[in-house]
Amino acid sequence: KKLRIQRNREYWIPKIERNMQRDRQNTLALQEKGWTVFRFWEHKLKKEFHTCLEAVVEELEQKKRK
């Protein structure tokens, strides 16, 4: 994927920036409604699944204690 970004930077850089802005807006909207938002990169889920799962379980346990 890095090779594609290097070849077509005019397309990829603005696209990624728009995606990040959209994600921030969506996260804020969901948080305002009381949701907790997790974002995990696909490669992190594959390599560190238990770490991602622990983050979710920890959040659920904290919510349960409240």
C-alpha atoms as a PDB file:
ATOM      1  CA  LYS A   1       0.000   0.000   0.000  1.00  0.00           C
ATOM      2  CA  LYS A   2       2.892   2.370   0.712  1.00  0.00           C
ATOM      3  CA  LEU A   3       4.019   1.975  -2.879  1.00  0.00           C
ATOM      4  CA  ARG A   4       0.597   3.088  -4.133  1.00  0.00           C
ATOM      5  CA  ILE A   5       0.702   6.144  -1.864  1.00  0.00           C
ATOM      6  CA  GLN A   6       4.129   7.088  -3.205  1.00  0.00           C
ATOM      7  CA  ARG A   7       2.912   6.749  -6.774  1.00  0.00           C
ATOM      8  CA  ASN A   8      -0.260   8.790  -6.404  1.00  0.00           C
ATOM      9  CA  ARG A   9       0.284  11.126  -3.461  1.00  0.00           C
ATOM     10  CA  GLU A  10      -2.103  13.791  -4.817  1.00  0.00           C
ATOM     11  CA  TYR A  11      -4.939  11.312  -4.446  1.00  0.00           C
ATOM     12  CA  TRP A  12      -4.003   9.321  -1.337  1.00  0.00           C
ATOM     13  CA  ILE A  13      -2.905  12.052   1.089  1.00  0.00           C
ATOM     14  CA  PRO A  14      -6.150  14.101   0.811  1.00  0.00           C
ATOM     15  CA  LYS A  15      -8.225  10.897   0.844  1.00  0.00           C
ATOM     16  CA  ILE A  16      -6.619   9.683   4.067  1.00  0.00           C
ATOM     17  CA  GLU A  17      -6.997  13.133   5.636  1.00  0.00           C
ATOM     18  CA  ARG A  18     -10.713  13.178   4.722  1.00  0.00           C
ATOM     19  CA  ASN A  19     -11.155   9.701   6.177  1.00  0.00           C
ATOM     20  CA  MET A  20      -9.475  10.763   9.414  1.00  0.00           C
ATOM     21  CA  GLN A  21     -11.687  13.857   9.661  1.00  0.00           C
ATOM     22  CA  ARG A  22     -14.795  11.754   9.011  1.00  0.00           C
ATOM     23  CA  ASP A  23     -13.708   9.301  11.702  1.00  0.00           C
ATOM     24  CA  ARG A  24     -13.227  12.145  14.216  1.00  0.00           C
ATOM     25  CA  GLN A  25     -16.689  13.526  13.447  1.00  0.00           C
ATOM     26  CA  ASN A  26     -18.314  10.100  13.715  1.00  0.00           C
ATOM     27  CA  THR A  27     -16.508   9.380  16.974  1.00  0.00           C
ATOM     28  CA  LEU A  28     -17.657  12.661  18.508  1.00  0.00           C
ATOM     29  CA  ALA A  29     -21.250  12.093  17.407  1.00  0.00           C
ATOM     30  CA  LEU A  30     -21.274   8.607  18.925  1.00  0.00           C
ATOM     31  CA  GLN A  31     -19.606   9.755  22.155  1.00  0.00           C
ATOM     32  CA  GLU A  32     -22.214  12.490  22.543  1.00  0.00           C
ATOM     33  CA  LYS A  33     -24.820   9.710  22.506  1.00  0.00           C
ATOM     34  CA  GLY A  34     -22.972   7.801  25.223  1.00  0.00           C
ATOM     35  CA  TRP A  35     -21.095   5.277  23.086  1.00  0.00           C
ATOM     36  CA  THR A  36     -17.485   4.264  23.609  1.00  0.00           C
ATOM     37  CA  VAL A  37     -15.675   4.014  20.291  1.00  0.00           C
ATOM     38  CA  PHE A  38     -12.765   1.675  19.640  1.00  0.00           C
ATOM     39  CA  ARG A  39     -10.734   1.771  16.459  1.00  0.00           C
ATOM     40  CA  PHE A  40      -8.335  -1.046  15.720  1.00  0.00           C
ATOM     41  CA  TRP A  41      -6.272  -1.393  12.570  1.00  0.00           C
ATOM     42  CA  GLU A  42      -6.816  -4.717  10.850  1.00  0.00           C
ATOM     43  CA  HIS A  43      -3.142  -5.670  11.192  1.00  0.00           C
ATOM     44  CA  LYS A  44      -3.269  -4.961  14.943  1.00  0.00           C
ATOM     45  CA  LEU A  45      -6.299  -7.218  15.335  1.00  0.00           C
ATOM     46  CA  LYS A  46      -4.442  -9.977  13.519  1.00  0.00           C
ATOM     47  CA  LYS A  47      -1.171  -9.576  15.438  1.00  0.00           C
ATOM     48  CA  GLU A  48      -2.413  -8.384  18.837  1.00  0.00           C
ATOM     49  CA  PHE A  49      -5.959  -9.662  19.091  1.00  0.00           C
ATOM     50  CA  HIS A  50      -5.781 -10.285  22.840  1.00  0.00           C
ATOM     51  CA  THR A  51      -4.523  -6.746  23.495  1.00  0.00           C
ATOM     52  CA  CYS A  52      -7.483  -5.322  21.569  1.00  0.00           C
ATOM     53  CA  LEU A  53      -9.889  -7.642  23.337  1.00  0.00           C
ATOM     54  CA  GLU A  54      -8.462  -6.678  26.736  1.00  0.00           C
ATOM     55  CA  ALA A  55      -9.110  -3.000  25.976  1.00  0.00           C
ATOM     56  CA  VAL A  56     -12.756  -3.737  25.204  1.00  0.00           C
ATOM     57  CA  VAL A  57     -13.231  -6.013  28.219  1.00  0.00           C
ATOM     58  CA  GLU A  58     -11.590  -3.463  30.519  1.00  0.00           C
ATOM     59  CA  GLU A  59     -13.945  -0.743  29.278  1.00  0.00           C
ATOM     60  CA  LEU A  60     -16.964  -3.001  29.775  1.00  0.00           C
ATOM     61  CA  GLU A  61     -15.853  -3.850  33.309  1.00  0.00           C
ATOM     62  CA  GLN A  62     -15.425  -0.166  34.154  1.00  0.00           C
ATOM     63  CA  LYS A  63     -18.901   0.611  32.808  1.00  0.00           C
ATOM     64  CA  LYS A  64     -20.360  -2.256  34.821  1.00  0.00           C
ATOM     65  CA  ARG A  65     -18.823  -0.902  38.060  1.00  0.00           C
ATOM     66  CA  LYS A  66     -20.454   2.521  37.588  1.00  0.00           C
END
